[in-house]
Structure formats: C-alpha cells, structure tokens
Amino acid sequence: MAEPSAFAAGTISGISMMQQLDEFAKPLGGGKLFLIQAGTTSAPQNCYQDTALTLAWPKPITLDAAGRVPQLFCVDGNIKIRSRGRP
C-alpha cells in the first residue's frame, strides 16, 4: 500500500471530481465523504471550496447525483478518506 501524500495548502486533492461507486459499481449519488486528520480516528480535516481556504465545506461532504466528489481544496497535511453510502 502506498504511503499517503501531503498536499500544499490550496491545492486540489487527487479526489476532486472523482466518481465514487457502491459495491454494485453504481454511482454513489448522495453519498457522504468524511475527511479525517491522519493519526486520529475521527477528527475532521478541514477542506474548502476556494483556493484562499476561506469557504469551508460542511462535514461530511455530500457527493453529487452522479456520485462525484466536488472540487475541494485541503489544508496542509495528510488525510484519511472514508465514504459512506446513501442515507
């Protein structure tokens, strides 16, 4: 398994616009994406809608109808990513 990589503040993480699928390979529309600080089990990681890192995404982030992750910008550091199915 590859080591997690850090992103510079304001850079787009590698998951932006990536489509998430359920266990049947169907788009996970309305699913939830949890971004967690590495080294913790539940401390949320801040991610933002703008490169200035001023407009925070709500936690958790809701995937669009096609199961895509919205464009997001993360603060410095490593993060863990967890996705959950539709409510």
PDB file of N, CA and C in Angstrom:
ATOM      1  N   MET A   1       0.852  -1.178   0.000  1.00  0.00           N
ATOM      2  CA  MET A   1       0.000   0.000   0.000  1.00  0.00           C
ATOM      3  C   MET A   1       0.896   1.238   0.000  1.00  0.00           C
ATOM      4  N   ALA A   2       0.590   2.194  -0.837  1.00  0.00           N
ATOM      5  CA  ALA A   2       1.395   3.407  -0.960  1.00  0.00           C
ATOM      6  C   ALA A   2       1.215   4.293   0.263  1.00  0.00           C
ATOM      7  N   GLU A   3       2.256   5.001   0.594  1.00  0.00           N
ATOM      8  CA  GLU A   3       2.193   5.963   1.688  1.00  0.00           C
ATOM      9  C   GLU A   3       1.301   7.131   1.288  1.00  0.00           C
ATOM     10  N   PRO A   4       0.524   7.692   2.236  1.00  0.00           N
ATOM     11  CA  PRO A   4      -0.298   8.857   1.895  1.00  0.00           C
ATOM     12  C   PRO A   4       0.591  10.038   1.538  1.00  0.00           C
ATOM     13  N   SER A   5       0.103  10.884   0.671  1.00  0.00           N
ATOM     14  CA  SER A   5       0.886  12.052   0.296  1.00  0.00           C
ATOM     15  C   SER A   5       0.221  13.307   0.844  1.00  0.00           C
ATOM     16  N   ALA A   6       1.031  14.317   1.098  1.00  0.00           N
ATOM     17  CA  ALA A   6       0.526  15.592   1.612  1.00  0.00           C
ATOM     18  C   ALA A   6       0.289  16.533   0.437  1.00  0.00           C
ATOM     19  N   PHE A   7      -0.673  17.396   0.592  1.00  0.00           N
ATOM     20  CA  PHE A   7      -0.974  18.403  -0.419  1.00  0.00           C
ATOM     21  C   PHE A   7      -0.656  19.767   0.171  1.00  0.00           C
ATOM     22  N   ALA A   8      -0.121  20.667  -0.644  1.00  0.00           N
ATOM     23  CA  ALA A   8       0.118  22.035  -0.196  1.00  0.00           C
ATOM     24  C   ALA A   8      -1.223  22.730  -0.020  1.00  0.00           C
ATOM     25  N   ALA A   9      -1.264  23.680   0.882  1.00  0.00           N
ATOM     26  CA  ALA A   9      -2.499  24.421   1.132  1.00  0.00           C
ATOM     27  C   ALA A   9      -3.018  25.005  -0.171  1.00  0.00           C
ATOM     28  N   GLY A  10      -4.289  24.813  -0.404  1.00  0.00           N
ATOM     29  CA  GLY A  10      -4.915  25.381  -1.580  1.00  0.00           C
ATOM     30  C   GLY A  10      -4.805  24.541  -2.828  1.00  0.00           C
ATOM     31  N   THR A  11      -4.133  23.404  -2.766  1.00  0.00           N
ATOM     32  CA  THR A  11      -4.075  22.563  -3.954  1.00  0.00           C
ATOM     33  C   THR A  11      -5.269  21.628  -3.968  1.00  0.00           C
ATOM     34  N   ILE A  12      -5.644  21.206  -5.152  1.00  0.00           N
ATOM     35  CA  ILE A  12      -6.762  20.287  -5.292  1.00  0.00           C
ATOM     36  C   ILE A  12      -6.253  18.894  -4.973  1.00  0.00           C
ATOM     37  N   SER A  13      -6.929  18.234  -4.071  1.00  0.00           N
ATOM     38  CA  SER A  13      -6.521  16.869  -3.756  1.00  0.00           C
ATOM     39  C   SER A  13      -6.849  15.956  -4.923  1.00  0.00           C
ATOM     40  N   GLY A  14      -6.284  14.788  -4.937  1.00  0.00           N
ATOM     41  CA  GLY A  14      -6.472  13.846  -6.035  1.00  0.00           C
ATOM     42  C   GLY A  14      -7.854  13.232  -6.124  1.00  0.00           C
ATOM     43  N   ILE A  15      -8.757  13.594  -5.233  1.00  0.00           N
ATOM     44  CA  ILE A  15     -10.094  13.005  -5.274  1.00  0.00           C
ATOM     45  C   ILE A  15     -11.148  13.929  -5.864  1.00  0.00           C
ATOM     46  N   SER A  16     -10.806  15.188  -6.103  1.00  0.00           N
ATOM     47  CA  SER A  16     -11.790  16.129  -6.652  1.00  0.00           C
ATOM     48  C   SER A  16     -12.340  15.619  -7.972  1.00  0.00           C
ATOM     49  N   MET A  17     -13.658  15.637  -8.108  1.00  0.00           N
ATOM     50  CA  MET A  17     -14.400  15.241  -9.298  1.00  0.00           C
ATOM     51  C   MET A  17     -14.318  13.739  -9.577  1.00  0.00           C
ATOM     52  N   MET A  18     -13.738  12.964  -8.668  1.00  0.00           N
ATOM     53  CA  MET A  18     -13.667  11.516  -8.843  1.00  0.00           C
ATOM     54  C   MET A  18     -15.018  10.893  -8.490  1.00  0.00           C
ATOM     55  N   GLN A  19     -15.488  10.000  -9.341  1.00  0.00           N
ATOM     56  CA  GLN A  19     -16.769   9.352  -9.101  1.00  0.00           C
ATOM     57  C   GLN A  19     -16.590   8.202  -8.110  1.00  0.00           C
ATOM     58  N   GLN A  20     -17.467   8.165  -7.122  1.00  0.00           N
ATOM     59  CA  GLN A  20     -17.475   7.098  -6.127  1.00  0.00           C
ATOM     60  C   GLN A  20     -18.583   6.109  -6.489  1.00  0.00           C
ATOM     61  N   LEU A  21     -18.292   4.827  -6.341  1.00  0.00           N
ATOM     62  CA  LEU A  21     -19.244   3.788  -6.705  1.00  0.00           C
ATOM     63  C   LEU A  21     -19.582   2.939  -5.494  1.00  0.00           C
ATOM     64  N   ASP A  22     -20.786   2.365  -5.510  1.00  0.00           N
ATOM     65  CA  ASP A  22     -21.162   1.462  -4.421  1.00  0.00           C
ATOM     66  C   ASP A  22     -20.640   0.054  -4.717  1.00  0.00           C
ATOM     67  N   GLU A  23     -21.007  -0.897  -3.882  1.00  0.00           N
ATOM     68  CA  GLU A  23     -20.498  -2.267  -4.031  1.00  0.00           C
ATOM     69  C   GLU A  23     -20.997  -2.961  -5.301  1.00  0.00           C
ATOM     70  N   PHE A  24     -22.004  -2.383  -5.960  1.00  0.00           N
ATOM     71  CA  PHE A  24     -22.523  -2.932  -7.212  1.00  0.00           C
ATOM     72  C   PHE A  24     -22.058  -2.123  -8.426  1.00  0.00           C
ATOM     73  N   ALA A  25     -21.049  -1.273  -8.225  1.00  0.00           N
ATOM     74  CA  ALA A  25     -20.469  -0.422  -9.272  1.00  0.00           C
ATOM     75  C   ALA A  25     -21.469   0.585  -9.818  1.00  0.00           C
ATOM     76  N   LYS A  26     -22.428   0.977  -9.009  1.00  0.00           N
ATOM     77  CA  LYS A  26     -23.388   2.028  -9.375  1.00  0.00           C
ATOM     78  C   LYS A  26     -22.932   3.326  -8.716  1.00  0.00           C
ATOM     79  N   PRO A  27     -23.142   4.490  -9.371  1.00  0.00           N
ATOM     80  CA  PRO A  27     -22.731   5.767  -8.789  1.00  0.00           C
ATOM     81  C   PRO A  27     -23.334   5.966  -7.391  1.00  0.00           C
ATOM     82  N   LEU A  28     -22.538   6.468  -6.494  1.00  0.00           N
ATOM     83  CA  LEU A  28     -22.925   6.663  -5.099  1.00  0.00           C
ATOM     84  C   LEU A  28     -23.512   8.059  -4.906  1.00  0.00           C
ATOM     85  N   GLY A  29     -24.525   8.398  -5.723  1.00  0.00           N
ATOM     86  CA  GLY A  29     -25.170   9.704  -5.638  1.00  0.00           C
ATOM     87  C   GLY A  29     -25.732   9.960  -4.255  1.00  0.00           C
ATOM     88  N   GLY A  30     -25.435  11.118  -3.688  1.00  0.00           N
ATOM     89  CA  GLY A  30     -25.909  11.471  -2.360  1.00  0.00           C
ATOM     90  C   GLY A  30     -25.115  10.846  -1.241  1.00  0.00           C
ATOM     91  N   GLY A  31     -24.067  10.103  -1.572  1.00  0.00           N
ATOM     92  CA  GLY A  31     -23.216   9.507  -0.545  1.00  0.00           C
ATOM     93  C   GLY A  31     -22.472  10.577   0.237  1.00  0.00           C
ATOM     94  N   LYS A  32     -21.830  10.180   1.307  1.00  0.00           N
ATOM     95  CA  LYS A  32     -21.096  11.101   2.182  1.00  0.00           C
ATOM     96  C   LYS A  32     -19.610  10.790   2.143  1.00  0.00           C
ATOM     97  N   LEU A  33     -18.803  11.843   2.164  1.00  0.00           N
ATOM     98  CA  LEU A  33     -17.358  11.716   2.173  1.00  0.00           C
ATOM     99  C   LEU A  33     -16.839  12.348   3.454  1.00  0.00           C
ATOM    100  N   PHE A  34     -16.141  11.561   4.242  1.00  0.00           N
ATOM    101  CA  PHE A  34     -15.576  12.028   5.502  1.00  0.00           C
ATOM    102  C   PHE A  34     -14.072  12.193   5.321  1.00  0.00           C
ATOM    103  N   LEU A  35     -13.550  13.374   5.607  1.00  0.00           N
ATOM    104  CA  LEU A  35     -12.121  13.659   5.537  1.00  0.00           C
ATOM    105  C   LEU A  35     -11.631  13.781   6.975  1.00  0.00           C
ATOM    106  N   ILE A  36     -10.677  12.934   7.350  1.00  0.00           N
ATOM    107  CA  ILE A  36     -10.254  12.800   8.743  1.00  0.00           C
ATOM    108  C   ILE A  36      -8.757  13.057   8.843  1.00  0.00           C
ATOM    109  N   GLN A  37      -8.349  13.756   9.900  1.00  0.00           N
ATOM    110  CA  GLN A  37      -6.928  14.024  10.128  1.00  0.00           C
ATOM    111  C   GLN A  37      -6.194  12.709  10.332  1.00  0.00           C
ATOM    112  N   ALA A  38      -5.084  12.544   9.621  1.00  0.00           N
ATOM    113  CA  ALA A  38      -4.266  11.348   9.789  1.00  0.00           C
ATOM    114  C   ALA A  38      -3.788  11.250  11.231  1.00  0.00           C
ATOM    115  N   GLY A  39      -3.711  10.046  11.739  1.00  0.00           N
ATOM    116  CA  GLY A  39      -3.266   9.832  13.113  1.00  0.00           C
ATOM    117  C   GLY A  39      -4.398   9.897  14.118  1.00  0.00           C
ATOM    118  N   THR A  40      -5.619  10.142  13.646  1.00  0.00           N
ATOM    119  CA  THR A  40      -6.789  10.159  14.531  1.00  0.00           C
ATOM    120  C   THR A  40      -7.827   9.202  13.961  1.00  0.00           C
ATOM    121  N   THR A  41      -8.859   8.940  14.751  1.00  0.00           N
ATOM    122  CA  THR A  41      -9.924   8.063  14.260  1.00  0.00           C
ATOM    123  C   THR A  41     -11.147   8.836  13.810  1.00  0.00           C
ATOM    124  N   SER A  42     -11.271  10.107  14.251  1.00  0.00           N
ATOM    125  CA  SER A  42     -12.491  10.828  13.884  1.00  0.00           C
ATOM    126  C   SER A  42     -12.358  12.343  13.804  1.00  0.00           C
ATOM    127  N   ALA A  43     -11.184  12.910  14.041  1.00  0.00           N
ATOM    128  CA  ALA A  43     -11.035  14.372  14.000  1.00  0.00           C
ATOM    129  C   ALA A  43     -11.161  14.858  12.554  1.00  0.00           C
ATOM    130  N   PRO A  44     -12.176  15.682  12.256  1.00  0.00           N
ATOM    131  CA  PRO A  44     -12.383  16.127  10.872  1.00  0.00           C
ATOM    132  C   PRO A  44     -11.213  16.948  10.339  1.00  0.00           C
ATOM    133  N   GLN A  45     -10.916  16.768   9.067  1.00  0.00           N
ATOM    134  CA  GLN A  45      -9.902  17.557   8.368  1.00  0.00           C
ATOM    135  C   GLN A  45     -10.624  18.668   7.624  1.00  0.00           C
ATOM    136  N   ASN A  46     -10.156  19.876   7.733  1.00  0.00           N
ATOM    137  CA  ASN A  46     -10.780  20.999   7.041  1.00  0.00           C
ATOM    138  C   ASN A  46     -10.451  20.963   5.555  1.00  0.00           C
ATOM    139  N   CYS A  47     -11.481  21.089   4.738  1.00  0.00           N
ATOM    140  CA  CYS A  47     -11.326  21.250   3.298  1.00  0.00           C
ATOM    141  C   CYS A  47     -12.256  22.373   2.862  1.00  0.00           C
ATOM    142  N   TYR A  48     -11.871  23.044   1.790  1.00  0.00           N
ATOM    143  CA  TYR A  48     -12.525  24.290   1.417  1.00  0.00           C
ATOM    144  C   TYR A  48     -12.975  24.285  -0.028  1.00  0.00           C
ATOM    145  N   GLN A  49     -13.873  25.222  -0.350  1.00  0.00           N
ATOM    146  CA  GLN A  49     -14.404  25.370  -1.697  1.00  0.00           C
ATOM    147  C   GLN A  49     -13.580  26.326  -2.549  1.00  0.00           C
ATOM    148  N   ASP A  50     -12.654  27.057  -1.930  1.00  0.00           N
ATOM    149  CA  ASP A  50     -11.856  28.067  -2.654  1.00  0.00           C
ATOM    150  C   ASP A  50     -10.379  27.930  -2.320  1.00  0.00           C
ATOM    151  N   THR A  51      -9.525  28.429  -3.222  1.00  0.00           N
ATOM    152  CA  THR A  51      -8.083  28.314  -3.028  1.00  0.00           C
ATOM    153  C   THR A  51      -7.570  29.171  -1.882  1.00  0.00           C
ATOM    154  N   ALA A  52      -8.325  30.185  -1.486  1.00  0.00           N
ATOM    155  CA  ALA A  52      -7.913  31.021  -0.353  1.00  0.00           C
ATOM    156  C   ALA A  52      -8.186  30.334   0.988  1.00  0.00           C
ATOM    157  N   LEU A  53      -8.851  29.179   0.944  1.00  0.00           N
ATOM    158  CA  LEU A  53      -9.172  28.394   2.140  1.00  0.00           C
ATOM    159  C   LEU A  53     -10.017  29.197   3.125  1.00  0.00           C
ATOM    160  N   THR A  54     -11.048  29.860   2.594  1.00  0.00           N
ATOM    161  CA  THR A  54     -11.925  30.664   3.451  1.00  0.00           C
ATOM    162  C   THR A  54     -13.357  30.140   3.516  1.00  0.00           C
ATOM    163  N   LEU A  55     -13.811  29.421   2.491  1.00  0.00           N
ATOM    164  CA  LEU A  55     -15.185  28.938   2.446  1.00  0.00           C
ATOM    165  C   LEU A  55     -15.178  27.417   2.667  1.00  0.00           C
ATOM    166  N   ALA A  56     -15.412  27.021   3.907  1.00  0.00           N
ATOM    167  CA  ALA A  56     -15.298  25.606   4.285  1.00  0.00           C
ATOM    168  C   ALA A  56     -16.443  24.772   3.741  1.00  0.00           C
ATOM    169  N   TRP A  57     -16.129  23.532   3.368  1.00  0.00           N
ATOM    170  CA  TRP A  57     -17.158  22.565   3.027  1.00  0.00           C
ATOM    171  C   TRP A  57     -17.778  22.069   4.324  1.00  0.00           C
ATOM    172  N   PRO A  58     -19.075  21.755   4.311  1.00  0.00           N
ATOM    173  CA  PRO A  58     -19.672  21.147   5.505  1.00  0.00           C
ATOM    174  C   PRO A  58     -19.081  19.751   5.706  1.00  0.00           C
ATOM    175  N   LYS A  59     -19.173  19.273   6.907  1.00  0.00           N
ATOM    176  CA  LYS A  59     -18.653  17.939   7.225  1.00  0.00           C
ATOM    177  C   LYS A  59     -19.818  17.052   7.614  1.00  0.00           C
ATOM    178  N   PRO A  60     -20.029  15.941   6.974  1.00  0.00           N
ATOM    179  CA  PRO A  60     -19.288  15.405   5.829  1.00  0.00           C
ATOM    180  C   PRO A  60     -19.696  16.087   4.525  1.00  0.00           C
ATOM    181  N   ILE A  61     -18.914  15.841   3.491  1.00  0.00           N
ATOM    182  CA  ILE A  61     -19.200  16.383   2.168  1.00  0.00           C
ATOM    183  C   ILE A  61     -20.179  15.433   1.476  1.00  0.00           C
ATOM    184  N   THR A  62     -21.211  15.991   0.844  1.00  0.00           N
ATOM    185  CA  THR A  62     -22.193  15.182   0.127  1.00  0.00           C
ATOM    186  C   THR A  62     -21.793  15.081  -1.344  1.00  0.00           C
ATOM    187  N   LEU A  63     -21.784  13.864  -1.860  1.00  0.00           N
ATOM    188  CA  LEU A  63     -21.474  13.639  -3.267  1.00  0.00           C
ATOM    189  C   LEU A  63     -22.656  14.082  -4.134  1.00  0.00           C
ATOM    190  N   ASP A  64     -22.380  14.481  -5.381  1.00  0.00           N
ATOM    191  CA  ASP A  64     -23.469  14.906  -6.262  1.00  0.00           C
ATOM    192  C   ASP A  64     -24.275  13.693  -6.740  1.00  0.00           C
ATOM    193  N   ALA A  65     -25.293  13.931  -7.568  1.00  0.00           N
ATOM    194  CA  ALA A  65     -26.190  12.859  -8.019  1.00  0.00           C
ATOM    195  C   ALA A  65     -25.456  11.764  -8.787  1.00  0.00           C
ATOM    196  N   ALA A  66     -24.339  12.117  -9.425  1.00  0.00           N
ATOM    197  CA  ALA A  66     -23.551  11.138 -10.174  1.00  0.00           C
ATOM    198  C   ALA A  66     -22.490  10.476  -9.299  1.00  0.00           C
ATOM    199  N   GLY A  67     -22.487  10.791  -7.995  1.00  0.00           N
ATOM    200  CA  GLY A  67     -21.511  10.201  -7.081  1.00  0.00           C
ATOM    201  C   GLY A  67     -20.139  10.839  -7.144  1.00  0.00           C
ATOM    202  N   ARG A  68     -20.050  12.041  -7.707  1.00  0.00           N
ATOM    203  CA  ARG A  68     -18.744  12.714  -7.829  1.00  0.00           C
ATOM    204  C   ARG A  68     -18.443  13.568  -6.603  1.00  0.00           C
ATOM    205  N   VAL A  69     -17.169  13.587  -6.249  1.00  0.00           N
ATOM    206  CA  VAL A  69     -16.676  14.442  -5.175  1.00  0.00           C
ATOM    207  C   VAL A  69     -16.583  15.858  -5.726  1.00  0.00           C
ATOM    208  N   PRO A  70     -17.109  16.857  -5.015  1.00  0.00           N
ATOM    209  CA  PRO A  70     -16.983  18.223  -5.524  1.00  0.00           C
ATOM    210  C   PRO A  70     -15.521  18.686  -5.491  1.00  0.00           C
ATOM    211  N   GLN A  71     -15.247  19.740  -6.231  1.00  0.00           N
ATOM    212  CA  GLN A  71     -13.896  20.293  -6.199  1.00  0.00           C
ATOM    213  C   GLN A  71     -13.625  20.781  -4.790  1.00  0.00           C
ATOM    214  N   LEU A  72     -12.491  20.348  -4.236  1.00  0.00           N
ATOM    215  CA  LEU A  72     -12.170  20.772  -2.882  1.00  0.00           C
ATOM    216  C   LEU A  72     -10.683  21.044  -2.742  1.00  0.00           C
ATOM    217  N   PHE A  73     -10.373  21.891  -1.788  1.00  0.00           N
ATOM    218  CA  PHE A  73      -9.009  22.314  -1.500  1.00  0.00           C
ATOM    219  C   PHE A  73      -8.754  22.013  -0.030  1.00  0.00           C
ATOM    220  N   CYS A  74      -7.629  21.385   0.253  1.00  0.00           N
ATOM    221  CA  CYS A  74      -7.346  20.951   1.627  1.00  0.00           C
ATOM    222  C   CYS A  74      -6.178  21.720   2.228  1.00  0.00           C
ATOM    223  N   VAL A  75      -6.213  21.832   3.549  1.00  0.00           N
ATOM    224  CA  VAL A  75      -5.095  22.438   4.261  1.00  0.00           C
ATOM    225  C   VAL A  75      -3.918  21.472   4.225  1.00  0.00           C
ATOM    226  N   ASP A  76      -2.742  21.960   4.615  1.00  0.00           N
ATOM    227  CA  ASP A  76      -1.549  21.114   4.626  1.00  0.00           C
ATOM    228  C   ASP A  76      -1.751  19.889   5.509  1.00  0.00           C
ATOM    229  N   GLY A  77      -1.125  18.802   5.125  1.00  0.00           N
ATOM    230  CA  GLY A  77      -1.124  17.618   5.972  1.00  0.00           C
ATOM    231  C   GLY A  77      -1.681  16.395   5.265  1.00  0.00           C
ATOM    232  N   ASN A  78      -1.560  15.284   5.946  1.00  0.00           N
ATOM    233  CA  ASN A  78      -2.086  14.023   5.444  1.00  0.00           C
ATOM    234  C   ASN A  78      -3.522  13.863   5.913  1.00  0.00           C
ATOM    235  N   ILE A  79      -4.318  13.210   5.087  1.00  0.00           N
ATOM    236  CA  ILE A  79      -5.718  12.989   5.463  1.00  0.00           C
ATOM    237  C   ILE A  79      -6.098  11.544   5.192  1.00  0.00           C
ATOM    238  N   LYS A  80      -7.105  11.095   5.931  1.00  0.00           N
ATOM    239  CA  LYS A  80      -7.736   9.806   5.664  1.00  0.00           C
ATOM    240  C   LYS A  80      -9.088  10.123   5.050  1.00  0.00           C
ATOM    241  N   ILE A  81      -9.522   9.265   4.135  1.00  0.00           N
ATOM    242  CA  ILE A  81     -10.790   9.485   3.446  1.00  0.00           C
ATOM    243  C   ILE A  81     -11.674   8.263   3.672  1.00  0.00           C
ATOM    244  N   ARG A  82     -12.910   8.522   4.055  1.00  0.00           N
ATOM    245  CA  ARG A  82     -13.888   7.450   4.251  1.00  0.00           C
ATOM    246  C   ARG A  82     -15.171   7.856   3.538  1.00  0.00           C
ATOM    247  N   SER A  83     -15.734   6.941   2.773  1.00  0.00           N
ATOM    248  CA  SER A  83     -17.013   7.261   2.118  1.00  0.00           C
ATOM    249  C   SER A  83     -18.080   6.329   2.658  1.00  0.00           C
ATOM    250  N   ARG A  84     -19.291   6.840   2.643  1.00  0.00           N
ATOM    251  CA  ARG A  84     -20.466   6.068   3.101  1.00  0.00           C
ATOM    252  C   ARG A  84     -21.549   6.179   2.054  1.00  0.00           C
ATOM    253  N   GLY A  85     -22.386   5.166   1.998  1.00  0.00           N
ATOM    254  CA  GLY A  85     -23.479   5.129   1.033  1.00  0.00           C
ATOM    255  C   GLY A  85     -24.554   6.150   1.308  1.00  0.00           C
ATOM    256  N   ARG A  86     -25.554   6.091   0.489  1.00  0.00           N
ATOM    257  CA  ARG A  86     -26.701   6.984   0.604  1.00  0.00           C
ATOM    258  C   ARG A  86     -27.376   6.804   1.958  1.00  0.00           C
ATOM    259  N   PRO A  87     -27.977   7.890   2.449  1.00  0.00           N
ATOM    260  CA  PRO A  87     -28.672   7.779   3.735  1.00  0.00           C
ATOM    261  C   PRO A  87     -29.877   6.863   3.655  1.00  0.00           C
TER     262      PRO A  87
END
